[in-house]
All heavy atoms as atom14 arrays in JSON, in Angstrom:
{
  "sequence": "LTETPTWSDIWDAKITILYAGALSSGVAYTLQILGQKRTSPA",
  "atom14_mask": [
    [1, 1, 1, 1, 1, 1, 1, 1, 0, 0, 0, 0, 0, 0],
    [1, 1, 1, 1, 1, 1, 1, 0, 0, 0, 0, 0, 0, 0],
    [1, 1, 1, 1, 1, 1, 1, 1, 1, 0, 0, 0, 0, 0],
    [1, 1, 1, 1, 1, 1, 1, 0, 0, 0, 0, 0, 0, 0],
    [1, 1, 1, 1, 1, 1, 1, 0, 0, 0, 0, 0, 0, 0],
    [1, 1, 1, 1, 1, 1, 1, 0, 0, 0, 0, 0, 0, 0],
    [1, 1, 1, 1, 1, 1, 1, 1, 1, 1, 1, 1, 1, 1],
    [1, 1, 1, 1, 1, 1, 0, 0, 0, 0, 0, 0, 0, 0],
    [1, 1, 1, 1, 1, 1, 1, 1, 0, 0, 0, 0, 0, 0],
    [1, 1, 1, 1, 1, 1, 1, 1, 0, 0, 0, 0, 0, 0],
    [1, 1, 1, 1, 1, 1, 1, 1, 1, 1, 1, 1, 1, 1],
    [1, 1, 1, 1, 1, 1, 1, 1, 0, 0, 0, 0, 0, 0],
    [1, 1, 1, 1, 1, 0, 0, 0, 0, 0, 0, 0, 0, 0],
    [1, 1, 1, 1, 1, 1, 1, 1, 1, 0, 0, 0, 0, 0],
    [1, 1, 1, 1, 1, 1, 1, 1, 0, 0, 0, 0, 0, 0],
    [1, 1, 1, 1, 1, 1, 1, 0, 0, 0, 0, 0, 0, 0],
    [1, 1, 1, 1, 1, 1, 1, 1, 0, 0, 0, 0, 0, 0],
    [1, 1, 1, 1, 1, 1, 1, 1, 0, 0, 0, 0, 0, 0],
    [1, 1, 1, 1, 1, 1, 1, 1, 1, 1, 1, 1, 0, 0],
    [1, 1, 1, 1, 1, 0, 0, 0, 0, 0, 0, 0, 0, 0],
    [1, 1, 1, 1, 0, 0, 0, 0, 0, 0, 0, 0, 0, 0],
    [1, 1, 1, 1, 1, 0, 0, 0, 0, 0, 0, 0, 0, 0],
    [1, 1, 1, 1, 1, 1, 1, 1, 0, 0, 0, 0, 0, 0],
    [1, 1, 1, 1, 1, 1, 0, 0, 0, 0, 0, 0, 0, 0],
    [1, 1, 1, 1, 1, 1, 0, 0, 0, 0, 0, 0, 0, 0],
    [1, 1, 1, 1, 0, 0, 0, 0, 0, 0, 0, 0, 0, 0],
    [1, 1, 1, 1, 1, 1, 1, 0, 0, 0, 0, 0, 0, 0],
    [1, 1, 1, 1, 1, 0, 0, 0, 0, 0, 0, 0, 0, 0],
    [1, 1, 1, 1, 1, 1, 1, 1, 1, 1, 1, 1, 0, 0],
    [1, 1, 1, 1, 1, 1, 1, 0, 0, 0, 0, 0, 0, 0],
    [1, 1, 1, 1, 1, 1, 1, 1, 0, 0, 0, 0, 0, 0],
    [1, 1, 1, 1, 1, 1, 1, 1, 1, 0, 0, 0, 0, 0],
    [1, 1, 1, 1, 1, 1, 1, 1, 0, 0, 0, 0, 0, 0],
    [1, 1, 1, 1, 1, 1, 1, 1, 0, 0, 0, 0, 0, 0],
    [1, 1, 1, 1, 0, 0, 0, 0, 0, 0, 0, 0, 0, 0],
    [1, 1, 1, 1, 1, 1, 1, 1, 1, 0, 0, 0, 0, 0],
    [1, 1, 1, 1, 1, 1, 1, 1, 1, 0, 0, 0, 0, 0],
    [1, 1, 1, 1, 1, 1, 1, 1, 1, 1, 1, 0, 0, 0],
    [1, 1, 1, 1, 1, 1, 1, 0, 0, 0, 0, 0, 0, 0],
    [1, 1, 1, 1, 1, 1, 0, 0, 0, 0, 0, 0, 0, 0],
    [1, 1, 1, 1, 1, 1, 1, 0, 0, 0, 0, 0, 0, 0],
    [1, 1, 1, 1, 1, 0, 0, 0, 0, 0, 0, 0, 0, 0]
  ],
  "atom14_positions": [
    [[0.8, -1.21, 0.0], [0.0, 0.0, 0.0], [0.84, 1.27, 0.0], [0.42, 2.3, -0.55], [-0.94, 0.02, 1.22], [-2.09, -1.0, 1.22], [-2.84, -0.94, 2.55], [-3.04, -0.74, 0.06], [0.0, 0.0, 0.0], [0.0, 0.0, 0.0], [0.0, 0.0, 0.0], [0.0, 0.0, 0.0], [0.0, 0.0, 0.0], [0.0, 0.0, 0.0]],
    [[2.04, 1.22, 0.59], [2.8, 2.46, 0.79], [4.19, 2.47, 0.16], [4.8, 3.53, 0.04], [2.96, 2.73, 2.3], [3.71, 1.66, 2.91], [1.6, 2.84, 2.99], [0.0, 0.0, 0.0], [0.0, 0.0, 0.0], [0.0, 0.0, 0.0], [0.0, 0.0, 0.0], [0.0, 0.0, 0.0], [0.0, 0.0, 0.0], [0.0, 0.0, 0.0]],
    [[4.7, 1.3, -0.23], [6.07, 1.24, -0.74], [6.12, 0.55, -2.1], [5.17, -0.13, -2.5], [6.97, 0.49, 0.26], [7.05, 1.15, 1.63], [7.79, 0.3, 2.66], [8.23, -0.81, 2.3], [7.93, 0.75, 3.81], [0.0, 0.0, 0.0], [0.0, 0.0, 0.0], [0.0, 0.0, 0.0], [0.0, 0.0, 0.0], [0.0, 0.0, 0.0]],
    [[7.21, 0.74, -2.79], [7.42, 0.08, -4.1], [8.75, -0.68, -4.06], [9.75, -0.27, -4.66], [7.45, 1.11, -5.24], [8.44, 2.12, -4.93], [6.09, 1.76, -5.41], [0.0, 0.0, 0.0], [0.0, 0.0, 0.0], [0.0, 0.0, 0.0], [0.0, 0.0, 0.0], [0.0, 0.0, 0.0], [0.0, 0.0, 0.0], [0.0, 0.0, 0.0]],
    [[8.77, -1.79, -3.32], [10.03, -2.54, -3.16], [10.39, -3.29, -4.44], [9.54, -3.63, -5.26], [9.7, -3.51, -2.03], [8.23, -3.74, -2.16], [7.66, -2.43, -2.61], [0.0, 0.0, 0.0], [0.0, 0.0, 0.0], [0.0, 0.0, 0.0], [0.0, 0.0, 0.0], [0.0, 0.0, 0.0], [0.0, 0.0, 0.0], [0.0, 0.0, 0.0]],
    [[11.66, -3.55, -4.6], [12.15, -4.38, -5.7], [12.98, -5.51, -5.12], [13.54, -5.4, -4.01], [13.03, -3.56, -6.67], [14.19, -3.08, -5.97], [12.25, -2.37, -7.22], [0.0, 0.0, 0.0], [0.0, 0.0, 0.0], [0.0, 0.0, 0.0], [0.0, 0.0, 0.0], [0.0, 0.0, 0.0], [0.0, 0.0, 0.0], [0.0, 0.0, 0.0]],
    [[13.07, -6.61, -5.88], [13.85, -7.75, -5.41], [15.32, -7.39, -5.28], [16.02, -7.9, -4.4], [13.68, -8.93, -6.36], [12.36, -9.63, -6.24], [11.35, -9.68, -7.15], [11.91, -10.38, -5.1], [10.29, -10.4, -6.67], [10.61, -10.85, -5.41], [12.46, -10.7, -3.86], [9.85, -11.61, -4.53], [11.72, -11.47, -2.98], [10.43, -11.92, -3.31]],
    [[15.79, -6.49, -6.12], [17.2, -6.09, -6.05], [17.49, -5.34, -4.76], [18.55, -5.51, -4.14], [17.57, -5.23, -7.26], [16.8, -4.04, -7.29], [0.0, 0.0, 0.0], [0.0, 0.0, 0.0], [0.0, 0.0, 0.0], [0.0, 0.0, 0.0], [0.0, 0.0, 0.0], [0.0, 0.0, 0.0], [0.0, 0.0, 0.0], [0.0, 0.0, 0.0]],
    [[16.53, -4.49, -4.31], [16.71, -3.77, -3.05], [16.74, -4.73, -1.87], [17.57, -4.61, -0.96], [15.58, -2.74, -2.85], [15.66, -1.6, -3.85], [16.77, -1.35, -4.36], [14.63, -0.96, -4.11], [0.0, 0.0, 0.0], [0.0, 0.0, 0.0], [0.0, 0.0, 0.0], [0.0, 0.0, 0.0], [0.0, 0.0, 0.0], [0.0, 0.0, 0.0]],
    [[15.82, -5.69, -1.89], [15.77, -6.68, -0.81], [17.05, -7.51, -0.81], [17.6, -7.83, 0.25], [14.53, -7.58, -0.96], [13.25, -6.74, -0.81], [14.54, -8.7, 0.07], [11.97, -7.53, -1.04], [0.0, 0.0, 0.0], [0.0, 0.0, 0.0], [0.0, 0.0, 0.0], [0.0, 0.0, 0.0], [0.0, 0.0, 0.0], [0.0, 0.0, 0.0]],
    [[17.52, -7.87, -2.01], [18.75, -8.66, -2.12], [19.95, -7.88, -1.59], [20.84, -8.46, -0.95], [18.97, -9.08, -3.56], [20.19, -9.94, -3.76], [21.37, -9.58, -4.32], [20.34, -11.3, -3.36], [22.26, -10.62, -4.31], [21.66, -11.69, -3.73], [19.5, -12.23, -2.73], [22.13, -12.98, -3.48], [19.98, -13.51, -2.49], [21.28, -13.87, -2.86]],
    [[19.99, -6.58, -1.84], [21.08, -5.75, -1.34], [21.11, -5.73, 0.19], [22.18, -5.58, 0.8], [20.96, -4.32, -1.88], [21.26, -4.23, -3.37], [21.95, -5.13, -3.88], [20.8, -3.26, -4.01], [0.0, 0.0, 0.0], [0.0, 0.0, 0.0], [0.0, 0.0, 0.0], [0.0, 0.0, 0.0], [0.0, 0.0, 0.0], [0.0, 0.0, 0.0]],
    [[19.94, -5.86, 0.79], [19.84, -5.83, 2.26], [19.8, -7.23, 2.86], [19.46, -7.39, 4.03], [18.59, -5.04, 2.67], [0.0, 0.0, 0.0], [0.0, 0.0, 0.0], [0.0, 0.0, 0.0], [0.0, 0.0, 0.0], [0.0, 0.0, 0.0], [0.0, 0.0, 0.0], [0.0, 0.0, 0.0], [0.0, 0.0, 0.0], [0.0, 0.0, 0.0]],
    [[20.15, -8.25, 2.07], [19.97, -9.65, 2.47], [20.69, -10.02, 3.76], [20.13, -10.74, 4.6], [20.42, -10.59, 1.34], [21.88, -10.44, 0.93], [22.2, -11.35, -0.24], [23.66, -11.22, -0.68], [23.99, -9.86, -1.16], [0.0, 0.0, 0.0], [0.0, 0.0, 0.0], [0.0, 0.0, 0.0], [0.0, 0.0, 0.0], [0.0, 0.0, 0.0]],
    [[21.9, -9.53, 3.95], [22.66, -9.91, 5.14], [22.01, -9.37, 6.4], [21.84, -10.07, 7.4], [24.12, -9.43, 5.03], [24.82, -10.13, 3.87], [24.87, -9.69, 6.34], [26.25, -9.68, 3.66], [0.0, 0.0, 0.0], [0.0, 0.0, 0.0], [0.0, 0.0, 0.0], [0.0, 0.0, 0.0], [0.0, 0.0, 0.0], [0.0, 0.0, 0.0]],
    [[21.62, -8.09, 6.35], [20.98, -7.48, 7.52], [19.62, -8.1, 7.79], [19.23, -8.32, 8.94], [20.82, -5.96, 7.31], [19.89, -5.72, 6.24], [22.14, -5.31, 6.96], [0.0, 0.0, 0.0], [0.0, 0.0, 0.0], [0.0, 0.0, 0.0], [0.0, 0.0, 0.0], [0.0, 0.0, 0.0], [0.0, 0.0, 0.0], [0.0, 0.0, 0.0]],
    [[18.87, -8.42, 6.71], [17.55, -9.03, 6.88], [17.68, -10.44, 7.43], [16.91, -10.85, 8.32], [16.79, -9.03, 5.53], [16.43, -7.61, 5.13], [15.52, -9.88, 5.64], [15.78, -7.5, 3.77], [0.0, 0.0, 0.0], [0.0, 0.0, 0.0], [0.0, 0.0, 0.0], [0.0, 0.0, 0.0], [0.0, 0.0, 0.0], [0.0, 0.0, 0.0]],
    [[18.64, -11.21, 6.93], [18.85, -12.56, 7.43], [19.24, -12.56, 8.91], [18.76, -13.39, 9.69], [19.94, -13.26, 6.61], [19.52, -13.8, 5.24], [20.74, -14.27, 4.45], [18.51, -14.94, 5.39], [0.0, 0.0, 0.0], [0.0, 0.0, 0.0], [0.0, 0.0, 0.0], [0.0, 0.0, 0.0], [0.0, 0.0, 0.0], [0.0, 0.0, 0.0]],
    [[20.1, -11.63, 9.28], [20.54, -11.56, 10.68], [19.35, -11.21, 11.58], [19.11, -11.87, 12.6], [21.65, -10.52, 10.83], [22.22, -10.48, 12.23], [23.22, -11.36, 12.61], [21.76, -9.56, 13.17], [23.76, -11.33, 13.89], [22.27, -9.53, 14.46], [23.27, -10.42, 14.82], [23.77, -10.39, 16.09], [0.0, 0.0, 0.0], [0.0, 0.0, 0.0]],
    [[18.62, -10.16, 11.18], [17.48, -9.73, 11.99], [16.37, -10.78, 11.99], [15.73, -11.01, 13.02], [16.94, -8.4, 11.47], [0.0, 0.0, 0.0], [0.0, 0.0, 0.0], [0.0, 0.0, 0.0], [0.0, 0.0, 0.0], [0.0, 0.0, 0.0], [0.0, 0.0, 0.0], [0.0, 0.0, 0.0], [0.0, 0.0, 0.0], [0.0, 0.0, 0.0]],
    [[16.16, -11.44, 10.84], [15.1, -12.43, 10.76], [15.4, -13.7, 11.51], [14.57, -14.2, 12.28], [0.0, 0.0, 0.0], [0.0, 0.0, 0.0], [0.0, 0.0, 0.0], [0.0, 0.0, 0.0], [0.0, 0.0, 0.0], [0.0, 0.0, 0.0], [0.0, 0.0, 0.0], [0.0, 0.0, 0.0], [0.0, 0.0, 0.0], [0.0, 0.0, 0.0]],
    [[16.6, -14.24, 11.32], [16.95, -15.52, 11.95], [17.23, -15.38, 13.44], [16.72, -16.15, 14.26], [18.17, -16.13, 11.24], [0.0, 0.0, 0.0], [0.0, 0.0, 0.0], [0.0, 0.0, 0.0], [0.0, 0.0, 0.0], [0.0, 0.0, 0.0], [0.0, 0.0, 0.0], [0.0, 0.0, 0.0], [0.0, 0.0, 0.0], [0.0, 0.0, 0.0]],
    [[18.03, -14.38, 13.81], [18.41, -14.24, 15.22], [17.45, -13.34, 16.0], [16.86, -13.75, 16.99], [19.84, -13.68, 15.32], [20.96, -14.68, 15.05], [22.32, -14.0, 15.2], [20.87, -15.86, 16.0], [0.0, 0.0, 0.0], [0.0, 0.0, 0.0], [0.0, 0.0, 0.0], [0.0, 0.0, 0.0], [0.0, 0.0, 0.0], [0.0, 0.0, 0.0]],
    [[17.31, -12.07, 15.55], [16.5, -11.12, 16.29], [15.04, -11.55, 16.35], [14.39, -11.42, 17.39], [16.6, -9.73, 15.66], [15.87, -8.78, 16.41], [0.0, 0.0, 0.0], [0.0, 0.0, 0.0], [0.0, 0.0, 0.0], [0.0, 0.0, 0.0], [0.0, 0.0, 0.0], [0.0, 0.0, 0.0], [0.0, 0.0, 0.0], [0.0, 0.0, 0.0]],
    [[14.51, -12.07, 15.24], [13.11, -12.52, 15.23], [13.0, -13.98, 15.64], [12.44, -14.31, 16.69], [12.51, -12.31, 13.84], [12.4, -10.94, 13.53], [0.0, 0.0, 0.0], [0.0, 0.0, 0.0], [0.0, 0.0, 0.0], [0.0, 0.0, 0.0], [0.0, 0.0, 0.0], [0.0, 0.0, 0.0], [0.0, 0.0, 0.0], [0.0, 0.0, 0.0]],
    [[13.56, -14.88, 14.82], [13.38, -16.31, 15.06], [13.85, -16.79, 16.41], [13.12, -17.48, 17.12], [0.0, 0.0, 0.0], [0.0, 0.0, 0.0], [0.0, 0.0, 0.0], [0.0, 0.0, 0.0], [0.0, 0.0, 0.0], [0.0, 0.0, 0.0], [0.0, 0.0, 0.0], [0.0, 0.0, 0.0], [0.0, 0.0, 0.0], [0.0, 0.0, 0.0]],
    [[15.05, -16.41, 16.82], [15.62, -16.89, 18.08], [15.18, -16.04, 19.27], [14.65, -16.56, 20.26], [17.16, -16.93, 18.0], [17.75, -17.32, 19.35], [17.62, -17.89, 16.92], [0.0, 0.0, 0.0], [0.0, 0.0, 0.0], [0.0, 0.0, 0.0], [0.0, 0.0, 0.0], [0.0, 0.0, 0.0], [0.0, 0.0, 0.0], [0.0, 0.0, 0.0]],
    [[15.37, -14.73, 19.17], [15.15, -13.86, 20.33], [13.69, -13.8, 20.77], [13.39, -13.9, 21.96], [15.66, -12.45, 20.02], [0.0, 0.0, 0.0], [0.0, 0.0, 0.0], [0.0, 0.0, 0.0], [0.0, 0.0, 0.0], [0.0, 0.0, 0.0], [0.0, 0.0, 0.0], [0.0, 0.0, 0.0], [0.0, 0.0, 0.0], [0.0, 0.0, 0.0]],
    [[12.77, -13.63, 19.83], [11.36, -13.55, 20.21], [10.85, -14.88, 20.76], [9.96, -14.92, 21.62], [10.5, -13.11, 19.02], [10.44, -11.6, 18.86], [11.15, -10.96, 17.85], [9.69, -10.82, 19.73], [11.11, -9.59, 17.7], [9.64, -9.44, 19.59], [10.35, -8.83, 18.56], [10.3, -7.46, 18.44], [0.0, 0.0, 0.0], [0.0, 0.0, 0.0]],
    [[11.43, -16.0, 20.28], [11.07, -17.3, 20.85], [11.59, -17.42, 22.27], [10.88, -17.9, 23.17], [11.65, -18.43, 19.97], [11.14, -18.3, 18.64], [11.24, -19.78, 20.52], [0.0, 0.0, 0.0], [0.0, 0.0, 0.0], [0.0, 0.0, 0.0], [0.0, 0.0, 0.0], [0.0, 0.0, 0.0], [0.0, 0.0, 0.0], [0.0, 0.0, 0.0]],
    [[12.82, -16.99, 22.49], [13.37, -16.99, 23.85], [12.56, -16.08, 24.77], [12.41, -16.36, 25.97], [14.83, -16.53, 23.83], [15.86, -17.54, 23.28], [17.24, -16.9, 23.24], [15.88, -18.8, 24.12], [0.0, 0.0, 0.0], [0.0, 0.0, 0.0], [0.0, 0.0, 0.0], [0.0, 0.0, 0.0], [0.0, 0.0, 0.0], [0.0, 0.0, 0.0]],
    [[12.02, -14.98, 24.22], [11.18, -14.09, 25.01], [9.95, -14.84, 25.53], [9.61, -14.75, 26.71], [10.73, -12.9, 24.18], [9.79, -11.95, 24.95], [9.08, -10.96, 24.04], [9.22, -11.0, 22.83], [8.28, -10.09, 24.64], [0.0, 0.0, 0.0], [0.0, 0.0, 0.0], [0.0, 0.0, 0.0], [0.0, 0.0, 0.0], [0.0, 0.0, 0.0]],
    [[9.28, -15.57, 24.63], [8.09, -16.31, 25.03], [8.42, -17.4, 26.04], [7.75, -17.55, 27.06], [7.4, -16.91, 23.79], [6.82, -15.79, 22.91], [6.28, -17.87, 24.19], [6.21, -16.27, 21.62], [0.0, 0.0, 0.0], [0.0, 0.0, 0.0], [0.0, 0.0, 0.0], [0.0, 0.0, 0.0], [0.0, 0.0, 0.0], [0.0, 0.0, 0.0]],
    [[9.49, -18.16, 25.77], [9.9, -19.22, 26.68], [10.36, -18.65, 28.02], [10.07, -19.22, 29.08], [11.03, -20.05, 26.05], [10.67, -20.84, 24.78], [11.91, -21.5, 24.19], [9.6, -21.88, 25.08], [0.0, 0.0, 0.0], [0.0, 0.0, 0.0], [0.0, 0.0, 0.0], [0.0, 0.0, 0.0], [0.0, 0.0, 0.0], [0.0, 0.0, 0.0]],
    [[11.08, -17.52, 27.98], [11.57, -16.91, 29.2], [10.45, -16.33, 30.05], [10.47, -16.44, 31.28], [0.0, 0.0, 0.0], [0.0, 0.0, 0.0], [0.0, 0.0, 0.0], [0.0, 0.0, 0.0], [0.0, 0.0, 0.0], [0.0, 0.0, 0.0], [0.0, 0.0, 0.0], [0.0, 0.0, 0.0], [0.0, 0.0, 0.0], [0.0, 0.0, 0.0]],
    [[9.46, -15.72, 29.41], [8.35, -15.13, 30.16], [7.49, -16.18, 30.84], [6.75, -15.86, 31.78], [7.49, -14.26, 29.24], [8.05, -12.87, 29.02], [7.03, -11.93, 28.39], [7.31, -11.31, 27.37], [5.88, -11.8, 29.0], [0.0, 0.0, 0.0], [0.0, 0.0, 0.0], [0.0, 0.0, 0.0], [0.0, 0.0, 0.0], [0.0, 0.0, 0.0]],
    [[7.57, -17.42, 30.38], [6.86, -18.51, 31.05], [7.43, -18.76, 32.44], [6.76, -19.32, 33.31], [6.97, -19.8, 30.23], [5.94, -19.95, 29.13], [6.04, -21.35, 28.54], [4.91, -21.61, 27.56], [4.92, -23.0, 27.05], [0.0, 0.0, 0.0], [0.0, 0.0, 0.0], [0.0, 0.0, 0.0], [0.0, 0.0, 0.0], [0.0, 0.0, 0.0]],
    [[8.69, -18.35, 32.64], [9.42, -18.74, 33.85], [9.66, -17.59, 34.82], [10.24, -17.8, 35.88], [10.77, -19.35, 33.45], [10.64, -20.66, 32.68], [11.93, -21.03, 31.97], [11.91, -22.39, 31.43], [11.33, -22.74, 30.3], [10.7, -21.82, 29.58], [11.35, -23.98, 29.88], [0.0, 0.0, 0.0], [0.0, 0.0, 0.0], [0.0, 0.0, 0.0]],
    [[9.24, -16.37, 34.46], [9.45, -15.25, 35.36], [8.3, -14.27, 35.25], [7.41, -14.44, 34.41], [10.79, -14.54, 35.04], [11.09, -13.6, 36.07], [10.71, -13.82, 33.7], [0.0, 0.0, 0.0], [0.0, 0.0, 0.0], [0.0, 0.0, 0.0], [0.0, 0.0, 0.0], [0.0, 0.0, 0.0], [0.0, 0.0, 0.0], [0.0, 0.0, 0.0]],
    [[8.27, -13.26, 36.09], [7.17, -12.3, 36.09], [7.35, -11.29, 34.97], [8.47, -10.97, 34.56], [7.11, -11.57, 37.43], [8.22, -10.71, 37.58], [0.0, 0.0, 0.0], [0.0, 0.0, 0.0], [0.0, 0.0, 0.0], [0.0, 0.0, 0.0], [0.0, 0.0, 0.0], [0.0, 0.0, 0.0], [0.0, 0.0, 0.0], [0.0, 0.0, 0.0]],
    [[6.23, -10.72, 34.44], [6.34, -9.74, 33.35], [7.09, -8.48, 33.74], [7.74, -7.86, 32.91], [4.87, -9.44, 33.0], [4.08, -9.87, 34.18], [4.84, -11.01, 34.79], [0.0, 0.0, 0.0], [0.0, 0.0, 0.0], [0.0, 0.0, 0.0], [0.0, 0.0, 0.0], [0.0, 0.0, 0.0], [0.0, 0.0, 0.0], [0.0, 0.0, 0.0]],
    [[7.01, -8.07, 35.02], [7.7, -6.86, 35.45], [9.21, -7.03, 35.36], [9.93, -6.16, 34.86], [7.29, -6.51, 36.89], [0.0, 0.0, 0.0], [0.0, 0.0, 0.0], [0.0, 0.0, 0.0], [0.0, 0.0, 0.0], [0.0, 0.0, 0.0], [0.0, 0.0, 0.0], [0.0, 0.0, 0.0], [0.0, 0.0, 0.0], [0.0, 0.0, 0.0]]
  ]
}
């Protein structure tokens, strides 16, 4: 709706996207859910 991305632009950012996607999203957010099961939200 708001952007006009191209595959070449995404490919140029592939390393940063892979790092953020695999580690920051895939690993870290999963650890957040698992960790919050074991401690208080505060």
